[in-house]
Amino acid sequence: MLRIEERAGPITITAGGTLESADYDRFVPIFERIAAQKAGTVPMLIVLMSDFSGWDLSGLWRDLKFDVKHKDSFGRIAIVGDRKWEEWGTKLFDPLFRAKMKFFTTAERGAAESWVREDGDVS
């Protein structure tokens, strides 16, 4: 399950269960539309629900291809979730992004929202 919320500021993505290729079928056109309309980069708040279990094989492949193709479009990325996803969120995918990424626990969601909205250059 992947839910995308468009508001002023960052895109908020809520991920639960196992992400599949079909989740990216819905997400990619939304992200690309926003990136085309917005000058600069697109900040994102990614919230990993307690039942988030990663990706199926096709979902993982789609995620990797998406990340590489759009690496220059990402602004700050705040990832909120359980500590078990911290290494995935900030270390595994860090080489794919020029954007600043930071992990926050679920209790730190307010801080994550503030951080992702801060104006700053990509690293």
PDB file of N, CA and C in Angstrom:
ATOM      1  N   MET A   1       0.843  -1.172   0.000  1.00  0.00           N
ATOM      2  CA  MET A   1       0.000   0.000   0.000  1.00  0.00           C
ATOM      3  C   MET A   1       0.887   1.233   0.000  1.00  0.00           C
ATOM      4  N   LEU A   2       0.635   2.118  -0.923  1.00  0.00           N
ATOM      5  CA  LEU A   2       1.361   3.363  -1.034  1.00  0.00           C
ATOM      6  C   LEU A   2       0.343   4.473  -1.202  1.00  0.00           C
ATOM      7  N   ARG A   3       0.378   5.432  -0.283  1.00  0.00           N
ATOM      8  CA  ARG A   3      -0.540   6.575  -0.347  1.00  0.00           C
ATOM      9  C   ARG A   3       0.301   7.826  -0.554  1.00  0.00           C
ATOM     10  N   ILE A   4      -0.109   8.679  -1.487  1.00  0.00           N
ATOM     11  CA  ILE A   4       0.612   9.897  -1.807  1.00  0.00           C
ATOM     12  C   ILE A   4      -0.278  11.094  -1.493  1.00  0.00           C
ATOM     13  N   GLU A   5       0.265  12.030  -0.733  1.00  0.00           N
ATOM     14  CA  GLU A   5      -0.468  13.255  -0.416  1.00  0.00           C
ATOM     15  C   GLU A   5       0.314  14.436  -0.966  1.00  0.00           C
ATOM     16  N   GLU A   6      -0.382  15.235  -1.754  1.00  0.00           N
ATOM     17  CA  GLU A   6       0.210  16.464  -2.283  1.00  0.00           C
ATOM     18  C   GLU A   6      -0.316  17.624  -1.460  1.00  0.00           C
ATOM     19  N   ARG A   7       0.607  18.366  -0.894  1.00  0.00           N
ATOM     20  CA  ARG A   7       0.250  19.585  -0.170  1.00  0.00           C
ATOM     21  C   ARG A   7       1.277  20.631  -0.541  1.00  0.00           C
ATOM     22  N   ALA A   8       1.082  21.834  -0.048  1.00  0.00           N
ATOM     23  CA  ALA A   8       2.131  22.835  -0.211  1.00  0.00           C
ATOM     24  C   ALA A   8       3.354  22.319   0.528  1.00  0.00           C
ATOM     25  N   GLY A   9       4.471  22.312  -0.163  1.00  0.00           N
ATOM     26  CA  GLY A   9       5.684  21.807   0.466  1.00  0.00           C
ATOM     27  C   GLY A   9       5.981  20.394   0.013  1.00  0.00           C
ATOM     28  N   PRO A  10       6.421  19.554   0.941  1.00  0.00           N
ATOM     29  CA  PRO A  10       6.858  18.211   0.538  1.00  0.00           C
ATOM     30  C   PRO A  10       5.704  17.290   0.142  1.00  0.00           C
ATOM     31  N   ILE A  11       6.034  16.303  -0.667  1.00  0.00           N
ATOM     32  CA  ILE A  11       5.111  15.209  -0.939  1.00  0.00           C
ATOM     33  C   ILE A  11       5.187  14.289   0.277  1.00  0.00           C
ATOM     34  N   THR A  12       4.043  13.844   0.770  1.00  0.00           N
ATOM     35  CA  THR A  12       4.037  12.881   1.864  1.00  0.00           C
ATOM     36  C   THR A  12       3.635  11.526   1.305  1.00  0.00           C
ATOM     37  N   ILE A  13       4.506  10.552   1.525  1.00  0.00           N
ATOM     38  CA  ILE A  13       4.275   9.188   1.060  1.00  0.00           C
ATOM     39  C   ILE A  13       4.128   8.309   2.289  1.00  0.00           C
ATOM     40  N   THR A  14       3.034   7.562   2.357  1.00  0.00           N
ATOM     41  CA  THR A  14       2.829   6.610   3.442  1.00  0.00           C
ATOM     42  C   THR A  14       2.880   5.212   2.835  1.00  0.00           C
ATOM     43  N   ALA A  15       3.785   4.399   3.372  1.00  0.00           N
ATOM     44  CA  ALA A  15       3.972   3.047   2.839  1.00  0.00           C
ATOM     45  C   ALA A  15       3.643   2.026   3.907  1.00  0.00           C
ATOM     46  N   GLY A  16       2.842   1.041   3.547  1.00  0.00           N
ATOM     47  CA  GLY A  16       2.493  -0.043   4.449  1.00  0.00           C
ATOM     48  C   GLY A  16       2.472  -1.357   3.688  1.00  0.00           C
ATOM     49  N   GLY A  17       2.564  -2.439   4.405  1.00  0.00           N
ATOM     50  CA  GLY A  17       2.551  -3.758   3.773  1.00  0.00           C
ATOM     51  C   GLY A  17       3.765  -3.946   2.891  1.00  0.00           C
ATOM     52  N   THR A  18       3.569  -4.645   1.785  1.00  0.00           N
ATOM     53  CA  THR A  18       4.634  -4.901   0.823  1.00  0.00           C
ATOM     54  C   THR A  18       4.373  -4.089  -0.433  1.00  0.00           C
ATOM     55  N   LEU A  19       5.348  -3.283  -0.840  1.00  0.00           N
ATOM     56  CA  LEU A  19       5.177  -2.461  -2.031  1.00  0.00           C
ATOM     57  C   LEU A  19       5.374  -3.310  -3.277  1.00  0.00           C
ATOM     58  N   GLU A  20       4.504  -3.077  -4.249  1.00  0.00           N
ATOM     59  CA  GLU A  20       4.505  -3.832  -5.494  1.00  0.00           C
ATOM     60  C   GLU A  20       4.673  -2.883  -6.670  1.00  0.00           C
ATOM     61  N   SER A  21       4.922  -3.433  -7.815  1.00  0.00           N
ATOM     62  CA  SER A  21       5.084  -2.646  -9.027  1.00  0.00           C
ATOM     63  C   SER A  21       3.869  -1.736  -9.268  1.00  0.00           C
ATOM     64  N   ALA A  22       2.676  -2.211  -8.978  1.00  0.00           N
ATOM     65  CA  ALA A  22       1.461  -1.418  -9.184  1.00  0.00           C
ATOM     66  C   ALA A  22       1.462  -0.144  -8.342  1.00  0.00           C
ATOM     67  N   ASP A  23       2.104  -0.173  -7.163  1.00  0.00           N
ATOM     68  CA  ASP A  23       2.204   1.031  -6.341  1.00  0.00           C
ATOM     69  C   ASP A  23       2.980   2.119  -7.090  1.00  0.00           C
ATOM     70  N   TYR A  24       4.006   1.724  -7.822  1.00  0.00           N
ATOM     71  CA  TYR A  24       4.789   2.686  -8.591  1.00  0.00           C
ATOM     72  C   TYR A  24       4.045   3.168  -9.820  1.00  0.00           C
ATOM     73  N   ASP A  25       3.161   2.346 -10.364  1.00  0.00           N
ATOM     74  CA  ASP A  25       2.328   2.776 -11.483  1.00  0.00           C
ATOM     75  C   ASP A  25       1.510   4.004 -11.104  1.00  0.00           C
ATOM     76  N   ARG A  26       1.079   4.075  -9.853  1.00  0.00           N
ATOM     77  CA  ARG A  26       0.312   5.224  -9.370  1.00  0.00           C
ATOM     78  C   ARG A  26       1.229   6.379  -8.971  1.00  0.00           C
ATOM     79  N   PHE A  27       2.358   6.082  -8.341  1.00  0.00           N
ATOM     80  CA  PHE A  27       3.221   7.119  -7.781  1.00  0.00           C
ATOM     81  C   PHE A  27       4.030   7.885  -8.833  1.00  0.00           C
ATOM     82  N   VAL A  28       4.626   7.181  -9.779  1.00  0.00           N
ATOM     83  CA  VAL A  28       5.557   7.803 -10.724  1.00  0.00           C
ATOM     84  C   VAL A  28       4.927   8.965 -11.484  1.00  0.00           C
ATOM     85  N   PRO A  29       3.730   8.835 -12.077  1.00  0.00           N
ATOM     86  CA  PRO A  29       3.164   9.980 -12.813  1.00  0.00           C
ATOM     87  C   PRO A  29       2.902  11.192 -11.907  1.00  0.00           C
ATOM     88  N   ILE A  30       2.505  10.941 -10.668  1.00  0.00           N
ATOM     89  CA  ILE A  30       2.273  12.052  -9.739  1.00  0.00           C
ATOM     90  C   ILE A  30       3.585  12.776  -9.454  1.00  0.00           C
ATOM     91  N   PHE A  31       4.630  12.011  -9.124  1.00  0.00           N
ATOM     92  CA  PHE A  31       5.928  12.623  -8.832  1.00  0.00           C
ATOM     93  C   PHE A  31       6.453  13.392 -10.043  1.00  0.00           C
ATOM     94  N   GLU A  32       6.376  12.778 -11.224  1.00  0.00           N
ATOM     95  CA  GLU A  32       6.896  13.429 -12.422  1.00  0.00           C
ATOM     96  C   GLU A  32       6.137  14.710 -12.748  1.00  0.00           C
ATOM     97  N   ARG A  33       4.826  14.712 -12.526  1.00  0.00           N
ATOM     98  CA  ARG A  33       4.035  15.932 -12.749  1.00  0.00           C
ATOM     99  C   ARG A  33       4.472  17.033 -11.793  1.00  0.00           C
ATOM    100  N   ILE A  34       4.628  16.689 -10.519  1.00  0.00           N
ATOM    101  CA  ILE A  34       5.045  17.676  -9.525  1.00  0.00           C
ATOM    102  C   ILE A  34       6.453  18.186  -9.834  1.00  0.00           C
ATOM    103  N   ALA A  35       7.374  17.283 -10.164  1.00  0.00           N
ATOM    104  CA  ALA A  35       8.748  17.684 -10.467  1.00  0.00           C
ATOM    105  C   ALA A  35       8.798  18.601 -11.690  1.00  0.00           C
ATOM    106  N   ALA A  36       7.941  18.365 -12.683  1.00  0.00           N
ATOM    107  CA  ALA A  36       7.924  19.201 -13.885  1.00  0.00           C
ATOM    108  C   ALA A  36       7.368  20.589 -13.593  1.00  0.00           C
ATOM    109  N   GLN A  37       6.447  20.697 -12.637  1.00  0.00           N
ATOM    110  CA  GLN A  37       5.812  21.980 -12.312  1.00  0.00           C
ATOM    111  C   GLN A  37       6.612  22.804 -11.316  1.00  0.00           C
ATOM    112  N   LYS A  38       7.437  22.158 -10.541  1.00  0.00           N
ATOM    113  CA  LYS A  38       8.133  22.814  -9.439  1.00  0.00           C
ATOM    114  C   LYS A  38       9.555  23.159  -9.851  1.00  0.00           C
ATOM    115  N   ALA A  39       9.936  24.405  -9.639  1.00  0.00           N
ATOM    116  CA  ALA A  39      11.324  24.797  -9.891  1.00  0.00           C
ATOM    117  C   ALA A  39      12.196  24.182  -8.798  1.00  0.00           C
ATOM    118  N   GLY A  40      13.326  23.639  -9.169  1.00  0.00           N
ATOM    119  CA  GLY A  40      14.217  23.045  -8.174  1.00  0.00           C
ATOM    120  C   GLY A  40      13.868  21.599  -7.907  1.00  0.00           C
ATOM    121  N   THR A  41      14.051  21.199  -6.664  1.00  0.00           N
ATOM    122  CA  THR A  41      13.865  19.802  -6.294  1.00  0.00           C
ATOM    123  C   THR A  41      12.604  19.606  -5.467  1.00  0.00           C
ATOM    124  N   VAL A  42      12.180  18.364  -5.362  1.00  0.00           N
ATOM    125  CA  VAL A  42      10.942  18.009  -4.669  1.00  0.00           C
ATOM    126  C   VAL A  42      11.280  17.345  -3.331  1.00  0.00           C
ATOM    127  N   PRO A  43      10.941  17.990  -2.199  1.00  0.00           N
ATOM    128  CA  PRO A  43      11.163  17.355  -0.896  1.00  0.00           C
ATOM    129  C   PRO A  43      10.093  16.297  -0.631  1.00  0.00           C
ATOM    130  N   MET A  44      10.474  15.270   0.147  1.00  0.00           N
ATOM    131  CA  MET A  44       9.529  14.200   0.455  1.00  0.00           C
ATOM    132  C   MET A  44       9.616  13.797   1.918  1.00  0.00           C
ATOM    133  N   LEU A  45       8.458  13.523   2.479  1.00  0.00           N
ATOM    134  CA  LEU A  45       8.336  12.917   3.799  1.00  0.00           C
ATOM    135  C   LEU A  45       7.829  11.504   3.552  1.00  0.00           C
ATOM    136  N   ILE A  46       8.620  10.508   3.913  1.00  0.00           N
ATOM    137  CA  ILE A  46       8.243   9.116   3.707  1.00  0.00           C
ATOM    138  C   ILE A  46       7.935   8.511   5.069  1.00  0.00           C
ATOM    139  N   VAL A  47       6.689   8.078   5.251  1.00  0.00           N
ATOM    140  CA  VAL A  47       6.260   7.485   6.512  1.00  0.00           C
ATOM    141  C   VAL A  47       6.081   5.990   6.308  1.00  0.00           C
ATOM    142  N   LEU A  48       6.880   5.212   7.032  1.00  0.00           N
ATOM    143  CA  LEU A  48       6.803   3.753   6.957  1.00  0.00           C
ATOM    144  C   LEU A  48       5.917   3.258   8.095  1.00  0.00           C
ATOM    145  N   MET A  49       4.773   2.718   7.754  1.00  0.00           N
ATOM    146  CA  MET A  49       3.826   2.230   8.750  1.00  0.00           C
ATOM    147  C   MET A  49       4.422   1.017   9.482  1.00  0.00           C
ATOM    148  N   SER A  50       3.842   0.704  10.626  1.00  0.00           N
ATOM    149  CA  SER A  50       4.368  -0.409  11.428  1.00  0.00           C
ATOM    150  C   SER A  50       4.285  -1.750  10.690  1.00  0.00           C
ATOM    151  N   ASP A  51       3.360  -1.865   9.712  1.00  0.00           N
ATOM    152  CA  ASP A  51       3.252  -3.116   8.957  1.00  0.00           C
ATOM    153  C   ASP A  51       4.071  -3.110   7.668  1.00  0.00           C
ATOM    154  N   PHE A  52       4.843  -2.055   7.448  1.00  0.00           N
ATOM    155  CA  PHE A  52       5.677  -1.994   6.245  1.00  0.00           C
ATOM    156  C   PHE A  52       6.681  -3.140   6.273  1.00  0.00           C
ATOM    157  N   SER A  53       6.733  -3.892   5.157  1.00  0.00           N
ATOM    158  CA  SER A  53       7.628  -5.052   5.118  1.00  0.00           C
ATOM    159  C   SER A  53       8.576  -5.017   3.928  1.00  0.00           C
ATOM    160  N   GLY A  54       8.658  -3.876   3.253  1.00  0.00           N
ATOM    161  CA  GLY A  54       9.580  -3.756   2.134  1.00  0.00           C
ATOM    162  C   GLY A  54       8.875  -3.914   0.805  1.00  0.00           C
ATOM    163  N   TRP A  55       9.536  -4.568  -0.134  1.00  0.00           N
ATOM    164  CA  TRP A  55       9.040  -4.677  -1.494  1.00  0.00           C
ATOM    165  C   TRP A  55       8.992  -6.130  -1.936  1.00  0.00           C
ATOM    166  N   ASP A  56       8.097  -6.399  -2.890  1.00  0.00           N
ATOM    167  CA  ASP A  56       8.244  -7.656  -3.602  1.00  0.00           C
ATOM    168  C   ASP A  56       9.321  -7.409  -4.665  1.00  0.00           C
ATOM    169  N   LEU A  57       9.753  -8.419  -5.382  1.00  0.00           N
ATOM    170  CA  LEU A  57      10.870  -8.273  -6.304  1.00  0.00           C
ATOM    171  C   LEU A  57      10.601  -7.226  -7.381  1.00  0.00           C
ATOM    172  N   SER A  58       9.410  -7.232  -7.960  1.00  0.00           N
ATOM    173  CA  SER A  58       9.115  -6.257  -9.013  1.00  0.00           C
ATOM    174  C   SER A  58       9.031  -4.847  -8.429  1.00  0.00           C
ATOM    175  N   GLY A  59       8.531  -4.724  -7.210  1.00  0.00           N
ATOM    176  CA  GLY A  59       8.468  -3.417  -6.556  1.00  0.00           C
ATOM    177  C   GLY A  59       9.852  -2.867  -6.258  1.00  0.00           C
ATOM    178  N   LEU A  60      10.758  -3.729  -5.798  1.00  0.00           N
ATOM    179  CA  LEU A  60      12.126  -3.303  -5.518  1.00  0.00           C
ATOM    180  C   LEU A  60      12.811  -2.842  -6.796  1.00  0.00           C
ATOM    181  N   TRP A  61      12.641  -3.589  -7.873  1.00  0.00           N
ATOM    182  CA  TRP A  61      13.243  -3.225  -9.150  1.00  0.00           C
ATOM    183  C   TRP A  61      12.716  -1.876  -9.630  1.00  0.00           C
ATOM    184  N   ARG A  62      11.405  -1.674  -9.539  1.00  0.00           N
ATOM    185  CA  ARG A  62      10.804  -0.398  -9.954  1.00  0.00           C
ATOM    186  C   ARG A  62      11.335   0.743  -9.093  1.00  0.00           C
ATOM    187  N   ASP A  63      11.479   0.505  -7.788  1.00  0.00           N
ATOM    188  CA  ASP A  63      11.977   1.543  -6.889  1.00  0.00           C
ATOM    189  C   ASP A  63      13.401   1.936  -7.253  1.00  0.00           C
ATOM    190  N   LEU A  64      14.246   0.957  -7.485  1.00  0.00           N
ATOM    191  CA  LEU A  64      15.635   1.254  -7.844  1.00  0.00           C
ATOM    192  C   LEU A  64      15.723   2.019  -9.165  1.00  0.00           C
ATOM    193  N   LYS A  65      14.967   1.594 -10.170  1.00  0.00           N
ATOM    194  CA  LYS A  65      14.975   2.289 -11.461  1.00  0.00           C
ATOM    195  C   LYS A  65      14.461   3.722 -11.304  1.00  0.00           C
ATOM    196  N   PHE A  66      13.408   3.895 -10.529  1.00  0.00           N
ATOM    197  CA  PHE A  66      12.849   5.228 -10.300  1.00  0.00           C
ATOM    198  C   PHE A  66      13.871   6.126  -9.620  1.00  0.00           C
ATOM    199  N   ASP A  67      14.510   5.603  -8.570  1.00  0.00           N
ATOM    200  CA  ASP A  67      15.474   6.392  -7.802  1.00  0.00           C
ATOM    201  C   ASP A  67      16.636   6.855  -8.673  1.00  0.00           C
ATOM    202  N   VAL A  68      17.157   5.980  -9.503  1.00  0.00           N
ATOM    203  CA  VAL A  68      18.279   6.338 -10.367  1.00  0.00           C
ATOM    204  C   VAL A  68      17.844   7.362 -11.411  1.00  0.00           C
ATOM    205  N   LYS A  69      16.705   7.146 -12.033  1.00  0.00           N
ATOM    206  CA  LYS A  69      16.226   8.052 -13.085  1.00  0.00           C
ATOM    207  C   LYS A  69      15.955   9.458 -12.553  1.00  0.00           C
ATOM    208  N   HIS A  70      15.447   9.560 -11.332  1.00  0.00           N
ATOM    209  CA  HIS A  70      15.017  10.852 -10.792  1.00  0.00           C
ATOM    210  C   HIS A  70      15.944  11.411  -9.718  1.00  0.00           C
ATOM    211  N   LYS A  71      17.141  10.883  -9.599  1.00  0.00           N
ATOM    212  CA  LYS A  71      18.030  11.252  -8.488  1.00  0.00           C
ATOM    213  C   LYS A  71      18.273  12.756  -8.370  1.00  0.00           C
ATOM    214  N   ASP A  72      18.233  13.482  -9.473  1.00  0.00           N
ATOM    215  CA  ASP A  72      18.464  14.921  -9.427  1.00  0.00           C
ATOM    216  C   ASP A  72      17.194  15.723  -9.133  1.00  0.00           C
ATOM    217  N   SER A  73      16.061  15.057  -9.014  1.00  0.00           N
ATOM    218  CA  SER A  73      14.794  15.739  -8.756  1.00  0.00           C
ATOM    219  C   SER A  73      14.424  15.787  -7.282  1.00  0.00           C
ATOM    220  N   PHE A  74      15.123  15.012  -6.453  1.00  0.00           N
ATOM    221  CA  PHE A  74      14.760  14.916  -5.046  1.00  0.00           C
ATOM    222  C   PHE A  74      15.343  16.066  -4.239  1.00  0.00           C
ATOM    223  N   GLY A  75      14.477  16.661  -3.397  1.00  0.00           N
ATOM    224  CA  GLY A  75      14.942  17.594  -2.385  1.00  0.00           C
ATOM    225  C   GLY A  75      15.253  16.791  -1.132  1.00  0.00           C
ATOM    226  N   ARG A  76      15.126  17.410   0.008  1.00  0.00           N
ATOM    227  CA  ARG A  76      15.349  16.682   1.262  1.00  0.00           C
ATOM    228  C   ARG A  76      14.362  15.527   1.373  1.00  0.00           C
ATOM    229  N   ILE A  77      14.838  14.437   1.957  1.00  0.00           N
ATOM    230  CA  ILE A  77      13.991  13.262   2.160  1.00  0.00           C
ATOM    231  C   ILE A  77      14.048  12.897   3.635  1.00  0.00           C
ATOM    232  N   ALA A  78      12.919  13.032   4.317  1.00  0.00           N
ATOM    233  CA  ALA A  78      12.809  12.616   5.713  1.00  0.00           C
ATOM    234  C   ALA A  78      12.070  11.288   5.735  1.00  0.00           C
ATOM    235  N   ILE A  79      12.659  10.311   6.406  1.00  0.00           N
ATOM    236  CA  ILE A  79      12.047   8.990   6.509  1.00  0.00           C
ATOM    237  C   ILE A  79      11.644   8.782   7.959  1.00  0.00           C
ATOM    238  N   VAL A  80      10.379   8.445   8.177  1.00  0.00           N
ATOM    239  CA  VAL A  80       9.834   8.247   9.520  1.00  0.00           C
ATOM    240  C   VAL A  80       9.404   6.800   9.651  1.00  0.00           C
ATOM    241  N   GLY A  81       9.874   6.136  10.706  1.00  0.00           N
ATOM    242  CA  GLY A  81       9.478   4.749  10.896  1.00  0.00           C
ATOM    243  C   GLY A  81      10.170   4.109  12.074  1.00  0.00           C
ATOM    244  N   ASP A  82      10.038   2.792  12.130  1.00  0.00           N
ATOM    245  CA  ASP A  82      10.686   2.016  13.177  1.00  0.00           C
ATOM    246  C   ASP A  82      12.182   1.978  12.917  1.00  0.00           C
ATOM    247  N   ARG A  83      12.968   1.888  13.990  1.00  0.00           N
ATOM    248  CA  ARG A  83      14.437   1.866  13.880  1.00  0.00           C
ATOM    249  C   ARG A  83      14.938   0.750  12.963  1.00  0.00           C
ATOM    250  N   LYS A  84      14.167  -0.347  12.825  1.00  0.00           N
ATOM    251  CA  LYS A  84      14.634  -1.444  11.981  1.00  0.00           C
ATOM    252  C   LYS A  84      14.824  -1.001  10.537  1.00  0.00           C
ATOM    253  N   TRP A  85      14.175   0.103  10.119  1.00  0.00           N
ATOM    254  CA  TRP A  85      14.304   0.592   8.757  1.00  0.00           C
ATOM    255  C   TRP A  85      15.328   1.706   8.628  1.00  0.00           C
ATOM    256  N   GLU A  86      15.972   2.094   9.720  1.00  0.00           N
ATOM    257  CA  GLU A  86      16.911   3.215   9.662  1.00  0.00           C
ATOM    258  C   GLU A  86      18.058   2.948   8.692  1.00  0.00           C
ATOM    259  N   GLU A  87      18.656   1.769   8.766  1.00  0.00           N
ATOM    260  CA  GLU A  87      19.780   1.484   7.879  1.00  0.00           C
ATOM    261  C   GLU A  87      19.336   1.479   6.431  1.00  0.00           C
ATOM    262  N   TRP A  88      18.177   0.881   6.147  1.00  0.00           N
ATOM    263  CA  TRP A  88      17.654   0.890   4.785  1.00  0.00           C
ATOM    264  C   TRP A  88      17.443   2.322   4.321  1.00  0.00           C
ATOM    265  N   GLY A  89      16.802   3.092   5.159  1.00  0.00           N
ATOM    266  CA  GLY A  89      16.376   4.424   4.751  1.00  0.00           C
ATOM    267  C   GLY A  89      17.491   5.401   4.507  1.00  0.00           C
ATOM    268  N   THR A  90      18.553   5.310   5.272  1.00  0.00           N
ATOM    269  CA  THR A  90      19.587   6.332   5.153  1.00  0.00           C
ATOM    270  C   THR A  90      20.929   5.831   4.661  1.00  0.00           C
ATOM    271  N   LYS A  91      21.182   4.558   4.726  1.00  0.00           N
ATOM    272  CA  LYS A  91      22.499   4.058   4.328  1.00  0.00           C
ATOM    273  C   LYS A  91      22.459   3.292   3.017  1.00  0.00           C
ATOM    274  N   LEU A  92      21.513   2.407   2.855  1.00  0.00           N
ATOM    275  CA  LEU A  92      21.452   1.589   1.653  1.00  0.00           C
ATOM    276  C   LEU A  92      21.198   2.428   0.402  1.00  0.00           C
ATOM    277  N   PHE A  93      20.253   3.373   0.501  1.00  0.00           N
ATOM    278  CA  PHE A  93      19.879   4.156  -0.670  1.00  0.00           C
ATOM    279  C   PHE A  93      20.641   5.465  -0.785  1.00  0.00           C
ATOM    280  N   ASP A  94      21.413   5.849   0.221  1.00  0.00           N
ATOM    281  CA  ASP A  94      22.136   7.111   0.209  1.00  0.00           C
ATOM    282  C   ASP A  94      23.018   7.290  -1.024  1.00  0.00           C
ATOM    283  N   PRO A  95      23.734   6.262  -1.491  1.00  0.00           N
ATOM    284  CA  PRO A  95      24.568   6.462  -2.679  1.00  0.00           C
ATOM    285  C   PRO A  95      23.770   6.811  -3.943  1.00  0.00           C
ATOM    286  N   LEU A  96      22.481   6.529  -3.969  1.00  0.00           N
ATOM    287  CA  LEU A  96      21.663   6.799  -5.147  1.00  0.00           C
ATOM    288  C   LEU A  96      21.196   8.246  -5.228  1.00  0.00           C
ATOM    289  N   PHE A  97      21.290   8.975  -4.138  1.00  0.00           N
ATOM    290  CA  PHE A  97      20.711  10.310  -4.070  1.00  0.00           C
ATOM    291  C   PHE A  97      21.750  11.384  -3.848  1.00  0.00           C
ATOM    292  N   ARG A  98      21.530  12.548  -4.454  1.00  0.00           N
ATOM    293  CA  ARG A  98      22.292  13.735  -4.120  1.00  0.00           C
ATOM    294  C   ARG A  98      21.603  14.461  -2.976  1.00  0.00           C
ATOM    295  N   ALA A  99      20.366  14.132  -2.723  1.00  0.00           N
ATOM    296  CA  ALA A  99      19.564  14.814  -1.710  1.00  0.00           C
ATOM    297  C   ALA A  99      20.019  14.456  -0.305  1.00  0.00           C
ATOM    298  N   LYS A 100      19.737  15.360   0.617  1.00  0.00           N
ATOM    299  CA  LYS A 100      19.978  15.073   2.023  1.00  0.00           C
ATOM    300  C   LYS A 100      18.871  14.150   2.502  1.00  0.00           C
ATOM    301  N   MET A 101      19.263  13.072   3.193  1.00  0.00           N
ATOM    302  CA  MET A 101      18.302  12.127   3.759  1.00  0.00           C
ATOM    303  C   MET A 101      18.544  12.055   5.256  1.00  0.00           C
ATOM    304  N   LYS A 102      17.439  11.925   5.998  1.00  0.00           N
ATOM    305  CA  LYS A 102      17.566  11.801   7.449  1.00  0.00           C
ATOM    306  C   LYS A 102      16.439  10.911   7.953  1.00  0.00           C
ATOM    307  N   PHE A 103      16.776  10.041   8.904  1.00  0.00           N
ATOM    308  CA  PHE A 103      15.804   9.134   9.495  1.00  0.00           C
ATOM    309  C   PHE A 103      15.289   9.710  10.813  1.00  0.00           C
ATOM    310  N   PHE A 104      13.988   9.540  11.056  1.00  0.00           N
ATOM    311  CA  PHE A 104      13.338   9.949  12.295  1.00  0.00           C
ATOM    312  C   PHE A 104      12.468   8.801  12.788  1.00  0.00           C
ATOM    313  N   THR A 105      12.388   8.633  14.095  1.00  0.00           N
ATOM    314  CA  THR A 105      11.479   7.630  14.636  1.00  0.00           C
ATOM    315  C   THR A 105      10.047   8.142  14.503  1.00  0.00           C
ATOM    316  N   THR A 106       9.101   7.258  14.701  1.00  0.00           N
ATOM    317  CA  THR A 106       7.688   7.639  14.613  1.00  0.00           C
ATOM    318  C   THR A 106       7.361   8.764  15.594  1.00  0.00           C
ATOM    319  N   ALA A 107       7.951   8.727  16.772  1.00  0.00           N
ATOM    320  CA  ALA A 107       7.714   9.766  17.772  1.00  0.00           C
ATOM    321  C   ALA A 107       8.288  11.121  17.354  1.00  0.00           C
ATOM    322  N   GLU A 108       9.194  11.125  16.388  1.00  0.00           N
ATOM    323  CA  GLU A 108       9.839  12.357  15.939  1.00  0.00           C
ATOM    324  C   GLU A 108       9.232  12.909  14.642  1.00  0.00           C
ATOM    325  N   ARG A 109       8.020  12.504  14.319  1.00  0.00           N
ATOM    326  CA  ARG A 109       7.425  12.917  13.045  1.00  0.00           C
ATOM    327  C   ARG A 109       7.353  14.434  12.895  1.00  0.00           C
ATOM    328  N   GLY A 110       7.006  15.138  13.944  1.00  0.00           N
ATOM    329  CA  GLY A 110       6.953  16.603  13.874  1.00  0.00           C
ATOM    330  C   GLY A 110       8.297  17.198  13.494  1.00  0.00           C
ATOM    331  N   ALA A 111       9.363  16.675  14.087  1.00  0.00           N
ATOM    332  CA  ALA A 111      10.715  17.137  13.755  1.00  0.00           C
ATOM    333  C   ALA A 111      11.042  16.804  12.300  1.00  0.00           C
ATOM    334  N   ALA A 112      10.600  15.653  11.828  1.00  0.00           N
ATOM    335  CA  ALA A 112      10.838  15.257  10.439  1.00  0.00           C
ATOM    336  C   ALA A 112      10.148  16.220   9.486  1.00  0.00           C
ATOM    337  N   GLU A 113       8.904  16.582   9.794  1.00  0.00           N
ATOM    338  CA  GLU A 113       8.171  17.517   8.941  1.00  0.00           C
ATOM    339  C   GLU A 113       8.860  18.869   8.905  1.00  0.00           C
ATOM    340  N   SER A 114       9.355  19.328  10.040  1.00  0.00           N
ATOM    341  CA  SER A 114      10.075  20.607  10.082  1.00  0.00           C
ATOM    342  C   SER A 114      11.373  20.528   9.284  1.00  0.00           C
ATOM    343  N   TRP A 115      12.131  19.450   9.491  1.00  0.00           N
ATOM    344  CA  TRP A 115      13.419  19.306   8.825  1.00  0.00           C
ATOM    345  C   TRP A 115      13.272  19.258   7.308  1.00  0.00           C
ATOM    346  N   VAL A 116      12.290  18.492   6.826  1.00  0.00           N
ATOM    347  CA  VAL A 116      12.139  18.338   5.373  1.00  0.00           C
ATOM    348  C   VAL A 116      11.704  19.651   4.721  1.00  0.00           C
ATOM    349  N   ARG A 117      11.071  20.528   5.472  1.00  0.00           N
ATOM    350  CA  ARG A 117      10.641  21.817   4.936  1.00  0.00           C
ATOM    351  C   ARG A 117      11.739  22.880   4.942  1.00  0.00           C
ATOM    352  N   GLU A 118      12.819  22.617   5.670  1.00  0.00           N
ATOM    353  CA  GLU A 118      13.915  23.594   5.739  1.00  0.00           C
ATOM    354  C   GLU A 118      14.493  23.824   4.361  1.00  0.00           C
ATOM    355  N   ASP A 119      14.842  25.053   4.118  1.00  0.00           N
ATOM    356  CA  ASP A 119      15.466  25.385   2.837  1.00  0.00           C
ATOM    357  C   ASP A 119      16.931  25.013   2.923  1.00  0.00           C
ATOM    358  N   GLY A 120      17.391  24.259   1.988  1.00  0.00           N
ATOM    359  CA  GLY A 120      18.804  23.877   1.975  1.00  0.00           C
ATOM    360  C   GLY A 120      19.159  23.246   0.660  1.00  0.00           C
ATOM    361  N   ASP A 121      20.395  23.353   0.308  1.00  0.00           N
ATOM    362  CA  ASP A 121      20.873  22.752  -0.932  1.00  0.00           C
ATOM    363  C   ASP A 121      21.050  21.268  -0.754  1.00  0.00           C
ATOM    364  N   VAL A 122      21.000  20.545  -1.859  1.00  0.00           N
ATOM    365  CA  VAL A 122      21.262  19.123  -1.807  1.00  0.00           C
ATOM    366  C   VAL A 122      22.727  18.920  -1.548  1.00  0.00           C
ATOM    367  N   SER A 123      23.050  17.780  -0.935  1.00  0.00           N
ATOM    368  CA  SER A 123      24.461  17.506  -0.646  1.00  0.00           C
ATOM    369  C   SER A 123      25.147  16.859  -1.812  1.00  0.00           C
TER     370      SER A 123
END
